[in-house]
Amino acid sequence: MTATKKPQIYSGTGSAVDNYNKPEKQLKTILEGGRSHSKSNWGLFDKTNSQHKYVLSLLRQAQWVVPNERYGEVPDLARLSEFLKSEKSPVNKPLKSMFPEEISKIIIALEGIVKTVHSSKKR
């Protein structure tokens, strides 16, 4: 059985139907690779892998989050995917394809980003 959404008064601009279907479009964008021209999302993770969970924690600490209707804010996997594909990443592979040693390099890089984000706020 499909859960229905509670009715709400629409006060935005554009089509109310487009607004209603927006979360579905966001999910499709994430799964198709987000901002990249490439169709693959390198930020997909394994929820049972402790290193992957720590990467998600670091994304939140670095404020790489996107708004989510249900959970408030969630880690921005599209941004992670773009980072993993970029020259700034120490390992250019999808997260799920990495060995533990390679994920450790990503973790060190993300910890540096977190440190930079929080040190710039104190100034």
Protein backbone atom coordinates (compact mmCIF):
# COMPACT_ATOMS: atom_id res chain seq x y z
CA MET A 1 0.00 0.00 0.00
CA THR A 2 1.33 3.44 -0.93
CA ALA A 3 1.47 6.10 1.75
CA THR A 4 -0.20 9.36 0.79
CA LYS A 5 1.10 12.83 1.50
CA LYS A 6 -0.88 15.16 3.73
CA PRO A 7 -2.51 18.07 1.89
CA GLN A 8 -0.76 21.40 2.09
CA ILE A 9 -1.47 24.93 0.92
CA TYR A 10 0.84 25.83 -1.95
CA SER A 11 2.20 29.36 -1.72
CA GLY A 12 5.18 29.09 -4.09
CA THR A 13 5.63 30.06 -7.69
CA GLY A 14 5.15 27.82 -10.69
CA SER A 15 3.17 24.61 -10.77
CA ALA A 16 1.95 23.04 -7.54
CA VAL A 17 2.26 19.63 -9.22
CA ASP A 18 5.96 20.25 -9.99
CA ASN A 19 6.49 21.24 -6.36
CA TYR A 20 4.71 18.07 -5.20
CA ASN A 21 6.95 15.88 -7.37
CA LYS A 22 10.16 17.73 -6.51
CA PRO A 23 11.60 15.12 -4.06
CA GLU A 24 11.22 12.47 -6.77
CA LYS A 25 13.18 14.65 -9.20
CA GLN A 26 15.90 15.26 -6.58
CA LEU A 27 16.30 11.52 -6.05
CA LYS A 28 16.49 10.93 -9.79
CA THR A 29 19.17 13.62 -10.10
CA ILE A 30 21.22 12.06 -7.30
CA LEU A 31 21.01 8.59 -8.79
CA GLU A 32 21.92 9.84 -12.26
CA GLY A 33 25.05 11.59 -11.09
CA GLY A 34 23.89 14.99 -9.90
CA ARG A 35 25.84 17.93 -11.31
CA SER A 36 28.15 15.84 -13.45
CA HIS A 37 27.87 15.12 -17.13
CA SER A 38 28.72 11.53 -16.26
CA LYS A 39 25.73 9.32 -15.48
CA SER A 40 27.32 7.44 -12.57
CA ASN A 41 27.24 8.50 -8.93
CA TRP A 42 30.55 7.72 -7.26
CA GLY A 43 29.20 8.80 -3.85
CA LEU A 44 26.93 5.80 -3.30
CA PHE A 45 27.85 4.01 -0.09
CA ASP A 46 27.35 0.81 1.89
CA LYS A 47 25.40 1.54 5.07
CA THR A 48 26.98 -1.44 6.85
CA ASN A 49 30.58 -0.29 6.21
CA SER A 50 31.92 1.72 9.16
CA GLN A 51 34.35 3.66 6.97
CA HIS A 52 31.50 4.70 4.67
CA LYS A 53 29.45 5.83 7.68
CA TYR A 54 32.41 7.91 8.87
CA VAL A 55 32.63 9.51 5.40
CA LEU A 56 28.95 10.50 5.74
CA SER A 57 29.70 11.97 9.17
CA LEU A 58 32.56 14.00 7.70
CA LEU A 59 30.28 15.30 4.94
CA ARG A 60 27.90 16.62 7.60
CA GLN A 61 30.79 18.18 9.55
CA ALA A 62 32.08 19.84 6.37
CA GLN A 63 28.54 21.15 5.80
CA TRP A 64 28.23 19.28 2.50
CA VAL A 65 24.51 18.76 3.04
CA VAL A 66 21.32 19.25 1.05
CA PRO A 67 17.84 19.91 2.44
CA ASN A 68 15.54 16.92 2.68
CA GLU A 69 11.82 17.13 3.34
CA ARG A 70 11.75 14.06 5.56
CA TYR A 71 15.11 14.19 7.39
CA GLY A 72 15.92 17.92 7.39
CA GLU A 73 19.45 17.76 5.99
CA VAL A 74 21.27 14.82 4.47
CA PRO A 75 24.86 14.46 3.18
CA ASP A 76 25.26 15.73 -0.39
CA LEU A 77 26.23 12.56 -2.26
CA ALA A 78 26.30 14.42 -5.58
CA ARG A 79 28.97 16.77 -4.21
CA LEU A 80 30.91 13.80 -2.84
CA SER A 81 30.67 12.16 -6.26
CA GLU A 82 32.04 15.29 -7.93
CA PHE A 83 34.88 15.43 -5.39
CA LEU A 84 35.81 11.79 -6.01
CA LYS A 85 35.89 12.44 -9.77
CA SER A 86 37.99 15.62 -9.43
CA GLU A 87 41.74 16.06 -9.45
CA LYS A 88 41.57 17.14 -5.78
CA SER A 89 40.60 13.63 -4.69
CA PRO A 90 43.46 11.35 -3.62
CA VAL A 91 41.65 8.34 -5.16
CA ASN A 92 39.60 8.63 -8.35
CA LYS A 93 37.24 5.68 -7.95
CA PRO A 94 33.63 5.16 -6.87
CA LEU A 95 33.37 4.86 -3.08
CA LYS A 96 31.92 1.33 -3.27
CA SER A 97 34.86 0.17 -5.44
CA MET A 98 37.55 1.37 -3.03
CA PHE A 99 39.66 -0.84 -0.80
CA PRO A 100 39.89 0.10 2.91
CA GLU A 101 43.33 1.71 2.39
CA GLU A 102 41.91 3.93 -0.37
CA ILE A 103 38.92 4.97 1.74
CA SER A 104 41.39 5.95 4.48
CA LYS A 105 42.99 8.41 2.04
CA ILE A 106 39.56 9.89 1.28
CA ILE A 107 38.85 10.16 5.01
CA ILE A 108 42.12 12.04 5.59
CA ALA A 109 41.24 14.46 2.76
CA LEU A 110 37.73 15.04 4.13
CA GLU A 111 39.11 15.58 7.65
CA GLY A 112 41.31 18.31 6.15
CA ILE A 113 38.27 19.90 4.53
CA VAL A 114 36.40 19.79 7.86
CA LYS A 115 39.36 21.40 9.62
CA THR A 116 39.50 24.15 6.98
CA VAL A 117 35.75 24.83 7.17
CA HIS A 118 35.78 25.16 10.95
CA SER A 119 39.02 27.13 11.20
CA SER A 120 37.75 29.76 8.74
CA LYS A 121 34.67 30.35 10.93
CA LYS A 122 36.77 31.28 13.98
CA ARG A 123 38.45 34.21 12.20
